[in-house]
PDB file of N, CA and C in Angstrom:
ATOM      1  N   UNK A   1       0.675  -1.282  -0.064  1.00  0.00           N
ATOM      2  CA  UNK A   1      -0.409   0.098  -0.228  1.00  0.00           C
ATOM      3  C   UNK A   1       0.657   1.276   0.042  1.00  0.00           C
ATOM      4  N   UNK A   2      -0.100   2.336  -0.756  1.00  0.00           N
ATOM      5  CA  UNK A   2       1.228   3.329  -1.075  1.00  0.00           C
ATOM      6  C   UNK A   2       1.074   4.508  -0.393  1.00  0.00           C
ATOM      7  N   UNK A   3       0.920   5.857   0.326  1.00  0.00           N
ATOM      8  CA  UNK A   3       0.175   6.483   0.771  1.00  0.00           C
ATOM      9  C   UNK A   3       0.875   7.786  -0.088  1.00  0.00           C
ATOM     10  N   UNK A   4       0.188   8.814  -0.091  1.00  0.00           N
ATOM     11  CA  UNK A   4       1.442  10.172  -0.710  1.00  0.00           C
ATOM     12  C   UNK A   4       1.111  10.865  -0.379  1.00  0.00           C
ATOM     13  N   UNK A   5       1.896  11.830  -0.210  1.00  0.00           N
ATOM     14  CA  UNK A   5       1.732  13.231   0.284  1.00  0.00           C
ATOM     15  C   UNK A   5       1.945  13.178   2.084  1.00  0.00           C
ATOM     16  N   UNK A   6       2.269  12.430   2.541  1.00  0.00           N
ATOM     17  CA  UNK A   6       2.886  11.944   4.138  1.00  0.00           C
ATOM     18  C   UNK A   6       3.042  13.025   4.638  1.00  0.00           C
ATOM     19  N   UNK A   7       2.598  14.272   5.715  1.00  0.00           N
ATOM     20  CA  UNK A   7       3.195  15.005   6.103  1.00  0.00           C
ATOM     21  C   UNK A   7       2.750  16.446   5.366  1.00  0.00           C
ATOM     22  N   UNK A   8       2.174  16.462   4.347  1.00  0.00           N
ATOM     23  CA  UNK A   8       1.499  17.479   3.553  1.00  0.00           C
ATOM     24  C   UNK A   8       0.906  19.129   4.651  1.00  0.00           C
ATOM     25  N   UNK A   9       0.259  17.778   5.619  1.00  0.00           N
ATOM     26  CA  UNK A   9      -0.680  18.816   6.670  1.00  0.00           C
ATOM     27  C   UNK A   9       0.362  19.321   7.214  1.00  0.00           C
ATOM     28  N   UNK A  10       1.633  18.663   7.367  1.00  0.00           N
ATOM     29  CA  UNK A  10       3.254  19.610   8.361  1.00  0.00           C
ATOM     30  C   UNK A  10       3.396  21.525   6.728  1.00  0.00           C
ATOM     31  N   UNK A  11       3.461  21.460   5.668  1.00  0.00           N
ATOM     32  CA  UNK A  11       3.268  22.025   5.168  1.00  0.00           C
ATOM     33  C   UNK A  11       2.358  22.851   5.218  1.00  0.00           C
ATOM     34  N   UNK A  12       0.914  22.667   5.241  1.00  0.00           N
ATOM     35  CA  UNK A  12       0.390  23.805   5.698  1.00  0.00           C
ATOM     36  C   UNK A  12       0.879  24.017   7.273  1.00  0.00           C
ATOM     37  N   UNK A  13       0.684  23.840   8.066  1.00  0.00           N
ATOM     38  CA  UNK A  13       0.750  24.135   9.860  1.00  0.00           C
ATOM     39  C   UNK A  13       2.481  24.713   9.051  1.00  0.00           C
ATOM     40  N   UNK A  14       2.978  24.841   8.659  1.00  0.00           N
ATOM     41  CA  UNK A  14       4.423  25.944   8.731  1.00  0.00           C
ATOM     42  C   UNK A  14       3.928  26.804   7.769  1.00  0.00           C
ATOM     43  N   UNK A  15       3.072  26.871   6.342  1.00  0.00           N
ATOM     44  CA  UNK A  15       3.019  28.099   6.026  1.00  0.00           C
ATOM     45  C   UNK A  15       1.681  29.131   7.197  1.00  0.00           C
ATOM     46  N   UNK A  16       0.792  28.569   7.773  1.00  0.00           N
ATOM     47  CA  UNK A  16       0.174  29.314   8.486  1.00  0.00           C
ATOM     48  C   UNK A  16       0.533  30.038  10.000  1.00  0.00           C
ATOM     49  N   UNK A  17       2.242  29.116  10.628  1.00  0.00           N
ATOM     50  CA  UNK A  17       2.354  29.499  11.460  1.00  0.00           C
ATOM     51  C   UNK A  17       3.454  30.221  10.949  1.00  0.00           C
ATOM     52  N   UNK A  18       3.528  30.394   9.514  1.00  0.00           N
ATOM     53  CA  UNK A  18       4.756  31.734   9.109  1.00  0.00           C
ATOM     54  C   UNK A  18       3.832  32.855   8.958  1.00  0.00           C
ATOM     55  N   UNK A  19       2.482  33.263   8.296  1.00  0.00           N
ATOM     56  CA  UNK A  19       1.192  33.616   8.358  1.00  0.00           C
ATOM     57  C   UNK A  19       0.971  34.006   9.576  1.00  0.00           C
ATOM     58  N   UNK A  20       0.767  33.471  10.467  1.00  0.00           N
ATOM     59  CA  UNK A  20       0.473  34.594  11.712  1.00  0.00           C
ATOM     60  C   UNK A  20       1.601  35.015  12.757  1.00  0.00           C
ATOM     61  N   UNK A  21       2.760  35.124  12.157  1.00  0.00           N
ATOM     62  CA  UNK A  21       3.709  35.221  12.937  1.00  0.00           C
ATOM     63  C   UNK A  21       3.893  36.687  11.448  1.00  0.00           C
ATOM     64  N   UNK A  22       3.933  37.102  11.190  1.00  0.00           N
ATOM     65  CA  UNK A  22       3.770  37.874  10.312  1.00  0.00           C
ATOM     66  C   UNK A  22       2.729  39.329  10.517  1.00  0.00           C
ATOM     67  N   UNK A  23       2.087  38.821  11.003  1.00  0.00           N
ATOM     68  CA  UNK A  23       0.648  38.720  11.254  1.00  0.00           C
ATOM     69  C   UNK A  23       0.577  39.660  12.308  1.00  0.00           C
ATOM     70  N   UNK A  24       1.396  38.940  12.596  1.00  0.00           N
ATOM     71  CA  UNK A  24       1.063  39.581  14.818  1.00  0.00           C
ATOM     72  C   UNK A  24       2.425  40.504  15.040  1.00  0.00           C
ATOM     73  N   UNK A  25       4.147  40.333  13.888  1.00  0.00           N
ATOM     74  CA  UNK A  25       4.633  41.871  13.770  1.00  0.00           C
ATOM     75  C   UNK A  25       4.078  42.670  13.334  1.00  0.00           C
ATOM     76  N   UNK A  26       3.419  43.081  12.488  1.00  0.00           N
ATOM     77  CA  UNK A  26       2.424  44.335  11.790  1.00  0.00           C
ATOM     78  C   UNK A  26       1.549  45.069  13.275  1.00  0.00           C
ATOM     79  N   UNK A  27       0.616  43.423  14.091  1.00  0.00           N
ATOM     80  CA  UNK A  27      -0.507  43.814  14.143  1.00  0.00           C
ATOM     81  C   UNK A  27       0.553  44.602  16.109  1.00  0.00           C
ATOM     82  N   UNK A  28       1.532  44.342  16.242  1.00  0.00           N
ATOM     83  CA  UNK A  28       2.022  44.979  17.147  1.00  0.00           C
ATOM     84  C   UNK A  28       2.309  47.017  17.648  1.00  0.00           C
ATOM     85  N   UNK A  29       1.793  47.225  16.828  1.00  0.00           N
ATOM     86  CA  UNK A  29       1.910  48.828  16.717  1.00  0.00           C
ATOM     87  C   UNK A  29       0.560  49.085  17.720  1.00  0.00           C
ATOM     88  N   UNK A  30       1.237  50.367  18.649  1.00  0.00           N
ATOM     89  CA  UNK A  30       0.154  50.430  20.119  1.00  0.00           C
ATOM     90  C   UNK A  30      -1.045  51.313  19.565  1.00  0.00           C
ATOM     91  N   UNK A  31      -1.767  50.465  19.815  1.00  0.00           N
ATOM     92  CA  UNK A  31      -3.581  51.097  19.537  1.00  0.00           C
ATOM     93  C   UNK A  31      -3.818  52.488  19.733  1.00  0.00           C
ATOM     94  N   UNK A  32      -3.749  54.197  19.417  1.00  0.00           N
ATOM     95  CA  UNK A  32      -3.534  55.029  20.141  1.00  0.00           C
ATOM     96  C   UNK A  32      -4.735  56.034  19.186  1.00  0.00           C
ATOM     97  N   UNK A  33      -5.616  56.379  19.315  1.00  0.00           N
ATOM     98  CA  UNK A  33      -6.576  57.533  18.819  1.00  0.00           C
ATOM     99  C   UNK A  33      -5.878  58.416  19.200  1.00  0.00           C
ATOM    100  N   UNK A  34      -5.474  60.026  18.129  1.00  0.00           N
ATOM    101  CA  UNK A  34      -5.266  61.334  18.387  1.00  0.00           C
ATOM    102  C   UNK A  34      -6.177  62.145  17.592  1.00  0.00           C
ATOM    103  N   UNK A  35      -6.677  63.373  18.103  1.00  0.00           N
ATOM    104  CA  UNK A  35      -7.219  63.745  17.607  1.00  0.00           C
ATOM    105  C   UNK A  35      -7.073  65.071  17.719  1.00  0.00           C
ATOM    106  N   UNK A  36      -6.332  66.006  16.405  1.00  0.00           N
ATOM    107  CA  UNK A  36      -6.136  67.615  16.671  1.00  0.00           C
ATOM    108  C   UNK A  36      -7.057  68.887  15.329  1.00  0.00           C
ATOM    109  N   UNK A  37      -6.792  69.631  16.573  1.00  0.00           N
ATOM    110  CA  UNK A  37      -8.080  70.430  15.622  1.00  0.00           C
ATOM    111  C   UNK A  37      -7.142  71.905  14.705  1.00  0.00           C
ATOM    112  N   UNK A  38      -7.098  72.388  13.784  1.00  0.00           N
ATOM    113  CA  UNK A  38      -6.295  72.932  12.868  1.00  0.00           C
ATOM    114  C   UNK A  38      -6.417  74.717  13.798  1.00  0.00           C
ATOM    115  N   UNK A  39      -5.835  75.530  13.546  1.00  0.00           N
ATOM    116  CA  UNK A  39      -5.979  76.110  14.418  1.00  0.00           C
ATOM    117  C   UNK A  39      -6.661  77.105  14.378  1.00  0.00           C
ATOM    118  N   UNK A  40      -7.288  76.606  12.150  1.00  0.00           N
ATOM    119  CA  UNK A  40      -8.650  77.615  11.535  1.00  0.00           C
ATOM    120  C   UNK A  40     -10.022  77.104  12.440  1.00  0.00           C
ATOM    121  N   UNK A  41      -9.650  75.592  12.873  1.00  0.00           N
ATOM    122  CA  UNK A  41     -11.119  75.303  13.172  1.00  0.00           C
ATOM    123  C   UNK A  41     -11.293  76.152  15.003  1.00  0.00           C
ATOM    124  N   UNK A  42      -9.777  76.603  15.677  1.00  0.00           N
ATOM    125  CA  UNK A  42      -9.494  76.554  16.635  1.00  0.00           C
ATOM    126  C   UNK A  42     -10.484  78.188  16.725  1.00  0.00           C
ATOM    127  N   UNK A  43      -9.839  78.865  15.839  1.00  0.00           N
ATOM    128  CA  UNK A  43     -10.361  80.308  15.537  1.00  0.00           C
ATOM    129  C   UNK A  43     -11.804  80.556  15.299  1.00  0.00           C
ATOM    130  N   UNK A  44     -12.087  79.651  14.513  1.00  0.00           N
ATOM    131  CA  UNK A  44     -13.994  79.742  14.353  1.00  0.00           C
ATOM    132  C   UNK A  44     -14.493  79.120  15.022  1.00  0.00           C
ATOM    133  N   UNK A  45     -14.428  78.000  16.098  1.00  0.00           N
ATOM    134  CA  UNK A  45     -15.204  77.713  17.324  1.00  0.00           C
ATOM    135  C   UNK A  45     -15.004  79.096  18.500  1.00  0.00           C
ATOM    136  N   UNK A  46     -13.673  79.844  18.860  1.00  0.00           N
ATOM    137  CA  UNK A  46     -13.580  80.496  19.558  1.00  0.00           C
ATOM    138  C   UNK A  46     -15.123  82.129  18.493  1.00  0.00           C
ATOM    139  N   UNK A  47     -15.038  82.041  17.413  1.00  0.00           N
ATOM    140  CA  UNK A  47     -15.678  83.153  17.193  1.00  0.00           C
ATOM    141  C   UNK A  47     -18.048  82.916  17.046  1.00  0.00           C
ATOM    142  N   UNK A  48     -17.674  81.394  16.842  1.00  0.00           N
ATOM    143  CA  UNK A  48     -19.215  81.025  17.294  1.00  0.00           C
ATOM    144  C   UNK A  48     -19.751  80.963  18.962  1.00  0.00           C
ATOM    145  N   UNK A  49     -18.430  80.830  20.036  1.00  0.00           N
ATOM    146  CA  UNK A  49     -18.899  80.564  21.304  1.00  0.00           C
ATOM    147  C   UNK A  49     -19.165  82.048  21.669  1.00  0.00           C
ATOM    148  N   UNK A  50     -18.767  83.550  20.760  1.00  0.00           N
ATOM    149  CA  UNK A  50     -18.396  85.338  21.037  1.00  0.00           C
ATOM    150  C   UNK A  50     -19.904  85.356  20.826  1.00  0.00           C
ATOM    151  N   UNK A  51     -20.652  84.709  19.187  1.00  0.00           N
ATOM    152  CA  UNK A  51     -22.468  84.938  19.756  1.00  0.00           C
ATOM    153  C   UNK A  51     -22.984  84.164  20.613  1.00  0.00           C
ATOM    154  N   UNK A  52     -24.149  85.490  20.782  1.00  0.00           N
ATOM    155  CA  UNK A  52     -25.087  85.024  21.414  1.00  0.00           C
ATOM    156  C   UNK A  52     -26.169  83.802  20.572  1.00  0.00           C
ATOM    157  N   UNK A  53     -26.397  82.562  21.117  1.00  0.00           N
ATOM    158  CA  UNK A  53     -27.638  82.158  20.092  1.00  0.00           C
ATOM    159  C   UNK A  53     -28.925  82.300  21.504  1.00  0.00           C
ATOM    160  N   UNK A  54     -29.941  82.388  20.258  1.00  0.00           N
ATOM    161  CA  UNK A  54     -31.534  83.014  20.766  1.00  0.00           C
ATOM    162  C   UNK A  54     -31.921  82.019  21.884  1.00  0.00           C
ATOM    163  N   UNK A  55     -32.766  82.798  22.741  1.00  0.00           N
ATOM    164  CA  UNK A  55     -33.354  81.753  23.689  1.00  0.00           C
ATOM    165  C   UNK A  55     -34.150  80.687  23.067  1.00  0.00           C
ATOM    166  N   UNK A  56     -34.133  80.045  23.059  1.00  0.00           N
ATOM    167  CA  UNK A  56     -34.827  78.656  22.399  1.00  0.00           C
ATOM    168  C   UNK A  56     -36.195  78.088  23.888  1.00  0.00           C
ATOM    169  N   UNK A  57     -35.638  78.421  24.386  1.00  0.00           N
ATOM    170  CA  UNK A  57     -37.009  78.274  25.627  1.00  0.00           C
ATOM    171  C   UNK A  57     -38.241  79.054  25.410  1.00  0.00           C
ATOM    172  N   UNK A  58     -37.941  79.901  24.684  1.00  0.00           N
ATOM    173  CA  UNK A  58     -38.941  81.283  24.592  1.00  0.00           C
ATOM    174  C   UNK A  58     -39.094  80.740  23.547  1.00  0.00           C
ATOM    175  N   UNK A  59     -39.380  80.422  22.589  1.00  0.00           N
ATOM    176  CA  UNK A  59     -39.554  80.290  21.390  1.00  0.00           C
ATOM    177  C   UNK A  59     -40.683  79.082  21.303  1.00  0.00           C
ATOM    178  N   UNK A  60     -40.159  77.655  21.784  1.00  0.00           N
ATOM    179  CA  UNK A  60     -40.564  76.549  22.538  1.00  0.00           C
ATOM    180  C   UNK A  60     -41.748  76.864  23.432  1.00  0.00           C
ATOM    181  N   UNK A  61     -41.392  78.187  24.631  1.00  0.00           N
ATOM    182  CA  UNK A  61     -42.698  77.679  25.536  1.00  0.00           C
ATOM    183  C   UNK A  61     -43.845  79.029  24.022  1.00  0.00           C
ATOM    184  N   UNK A  62     -43.290  79.685  23.604  1.00  0.00           N
ATOM    185  CA  UNK A  62     -44.590  80.377  22.247  1.00  0.00           C
ATOM    186  C   UNK A  62     -45.242  79.666  21.615  1.00  0.00           C
ATOM    187  N   UNK A  63     -44.225  78.504  20.721  1.00  0.00           N
ATOM    188  CA  UNK A  63     -44.957  77.443  20.148  1.00  0.00           C
ATOM    189  C   UNK A  63     -45.353  77.102  20.936  1.00  0.00           C
ATOM    190  N   UNK A  64     -45.567  76.243  22.308  1.00  0.00           N
ATOM    191  CA  UNK A  64     -46.441  75.266  23.072  1.00  0.00           C
ATOM    192  C   UNK A  64     -48.179  76.086  23.122  1.00  0.00           C
ATOM    193  N   UNK A  65     -47.706  77.379  24.059  1.00  0.00           N
ATOM    194  CA  UNK A  65     -48.831  78.363  24.173  1.00  0.00           C
ATOM    195  C   UNK A  65     -49.951  78.344  22.521  1.00  0.00           C
ATOM    196  N   UNK A  66     -48.651  78.323  21.761  1.00  0.00           N
ATOM    197  CA  UNK A  66     -50.235  78.435  20.792  1.00  0.00           C
ATOM    198  C   UNK A  66     -50.385  77.516  19.758  1.00  0.00           C
ATOM    199  N   UNK A  67     -49.816  76.324  20.188  1.00  0.00           N
ATOM    200  CA  UNK A  67     -50.664  74.917  19.960  1.00  0.00           C
ATOM    201  C   UNK A  67     -51.975  75.076  21.131  1.00  0.00           C
ATOM    202  N   UNK A  68     -51.476  74.960  22.054  1.00  0.00           N
ATOM    203  CA  UNK A  68     -52.736  74.506  22.748  1.00  0.00           C
ATOM    204  C   UNK A  68     -54.323  76.037  22.544  1.00  0.00           C
ATOM    205  N   UNK A  69     -53.557  77.508  22.425  1.00  0.00           N
ATOM    206  CA  UNK A  69     -55.021  77.523  22.207  1.00  0.00           C
ATOM    207  C   UNK A  69     -55.620  77.522  20.534  1.00  0.00           C
ATOM    208  N   UNK A  70     -54.703  76.536  20.006  1.00  0.00           N
ATOM    209  CA  UNK A  70     -55.098  76.265  18.632  1.00  0.00           C
ATOM    210  C   UNK A  70     -54.980  77.757  17.390  1.00  0.00           C
ATOM    211  N   UNK A  71     -53.721  78.962  17.989  1.00  0.00           N
ATOM    212  CA  UNK A  71     -53.340  79.882  17.010  1.00  0.00           C
ATOM    213  C   UNK A  71     -52.321  79.180  16.329  1.00  0.00           C
ATOM    214  N   UNK A  72     -51.737  78.232  16.107  1.00  0.00           N
ATOM    215  CA  UNK A  72     -49.999  77.505  15.620  1.00  0.00           C
ATOM    216  C   UNK A  72     -49.907  77.585  14.168  1.00  0.00           C
ATOM    217  N   UNK A  73     -49.895  77.901  13.384  1.00  0.00           N
ATOM    218  CA  UNK A  73     -50.514  77.923  12.086  1.00  0.00           C
ATOM    219  C   UNK A  73     -48.501  77.409  11.816  1.00  0.00           C
ATOM    220  N   UNK A  74     -48.062  76.314  10.612  1.00  0.00           N
ATOM    221  CA  UNK A  74     -47.226  76.216   9.648  1.00  0.00           C
ATOM    222  C   UNK A  74     -47.763  76.276   8.426  1.00  0.00           C
ATOM    223  N   UNK A  75     -46.746  75.930   7.581  1.00  0.00           N
ATOM    224  CA  UNK A  75     -46.772  76.155   5.971  1.00  0.00           C
ATOM    225  C   UNK A  75     -46.757  74.716   5.428  1.00  0.00           C
ATOM    226  N   UNK A  76     -47.783  73.770   4.917  1.00  0.00           N
ATOM    227  CA  UNK A  76     -47.631  72.847   5.095  1.00  0.00           C
ATOM    228  C   UNK A  76     -46.137  71.999   4.000  1.00  0.00           C
ATOM    229  N   UNK A  77     -46.823  73.306   2.640  1.00  0.00           N
ATOM    230  CA  UNK A  77     -45.534  72.810   1.671  1.00  0.00           C
ATOM    231  C   UNK A  77     -44.572  73.369   2.130  1.00  0.00           C
ATOM    232  N   UNK A  78     -43.701  74.296   3.232  1.00  0.00           N
ATOM    233  CA  UNK A  78     -42.967  74.347   3.514  1.00  0.00           C
ATOM    234  C   UNK A  78     -42.661  73.130   4.581  1.00  0.00           C
ATOM    235  N   UNK A  79     -43.537  71.966   5.120  1.00  0.00           N
ATOM    236  CA  UNK A  79     -42.928  70.831   6.120  1.00  0.00           C
ATOM    237  C   UNK A  79     -43.114  70.065   4.702  1.00  0.00           C
ATOM    238  N   UNK A  80     -43.325  70.135   4.159  1.00  0.00           N
ATOM    239  CA  UNK A  80     -43.275  68.723   3.122  1.00  0.00           C
ATOM    240  C   UNK A  80     -42.019  68.481   2.365  1.00  0.00           C
ATOM    241  N   UNK A  81     -41.688  70.548   1.919  1.00  0.00           N
ATOM    242  CA  UNK A  81     -40.705  70.520   1.250  1.00  0.00           C
ATOM    243  C   UNK A  81     -39.083  70.199   1.321  1.00  0.00           C
ATOM    244  N   UNK A  82     -38.953  70.572   3.443  1.00  0.00           N
ATOM    245  CA  UNK A  82     -37.936  69.935   4.343  1.00  0.00           C
ATOM    246  C   UNK A  82     -37.608  68.413   4.568  1.00  0.00           C
ATOM    247  N   UNK A  83     -39.018  67.664   4.583  1.00  0.00           N
ATOM    248  CA  UNK A  83     -39.347  66.125   4.570  1.00  0.00           C
ATOM    249  C   UNK A  83     -38.797  65.320   3.416  1.00  0.00           C
ATOM    250  N   UNK A  84     -39.205  66.215   2.566  1.00  0.00           N
ATOM    251  CA  UNK A  84     -38.079  65.680   1.228  1.00  0.00           C
ATOM    252  C   UNK A  84     -36.727  66.022   1.109  1.00  0.00           C
ATOM    253  N   UNK A  85     -36.187  67.522   1.215  1.00  0.00           N
ATOM    254  CA  UNK A  85     -34.818  67.841   1.223  1.00  0.00           C
ATOM    255  C   UNK A  85     -33.877  66.593   2.012  1.00  0.00           C
ATOM    256  N   UNK A  86     -34.878  66.152   3.596  1.00  0.00           N
ATOM    257  CA  UNK A  86     -34.018  65.748   4.682  1.00  0.00           C
ATOM    258  C   UNK A  86     -33.795  64.118   4.184  1.00  0.00           C
ATOM    259  N   UNK A  87     -35.030  63.208   2.841  1.00  0.00           N
ATOM    260  CA  UNK A  87     -34.703  62.693   3.166  1.00  0.00           C
ATOM    261  C   UNK A  87     -33.447  62.316   1.216  1.00  0.00           C
ATOM    262  N   UNK A  88     -33.710  63.451   0.690  1.00  0.00           N
ATOM    263  CA  UNK A  88     -32.694  63.343  -0.290  1.00  0.00           C
ATOM    264  C   UNK A  88     -31.585  63.318  -0.312  1.00  0.00           C
ATOM    265  N   UNK A  89     -31.310  64.146   1.168  1.00  0.00           N
ATOM    266  CA  UNK A  89     -30.143  65.067   1.822  1.00  0.00           C
ATOM    267  C   UNK A  89     -29.330  66.250   1.163  1.00  0.00           C
ATOM    268  N   UNK A  90     -30.481  66.787   1.516  1.00  0.00           N
ATOM    269  CA  UNK A  90     -30.082  68.618   0.925  1.00  0.00           C
ATOM    270  C   UNK A  90     -30.319  69.037   2.452  1.00  0.00           C
ATOM    271  N   UNK A  91     -30.349  68.843   3.312  1.00  0.00           N
ATOM    272  CA  UNK A  91     -30.487  69.534   4.650  1.00  0.00           C
ATOM    273  C   UNK A  91     -29.483  70.441   4.610  1.00  0.00           C
ATOM    274  N   UNK A  92     -30.257  71.332   5.333  1.00  0.00           N
ATOM    275  CA  UNK A  92     -29.180  72.315   5.451  1.00  0.00           C
ATOM    276  C   UNK A  92     -28.812  72.679   7.300  1.00  0.00           C
TER     277      UNK A  92
END
């Protein structure tokens, strides 16, 4: 009885081990995330912080009272256009 390719699994194991060793060498880099903000970004951030944003709570209270009183009106065409723009990725 003749048995062919005796020891072929050793070749596979040798190639597999060599491949794994090369992967281990490349993955030894320290996993470190870093973020940097450019000077332009810092300048824009400081500009935004200098502007006062309107008091949104006042606007919310106004809208709530209009809804409760039944006097809140909305432009249905504008609402529909905003929904279409959102789903088409054209939001502003």
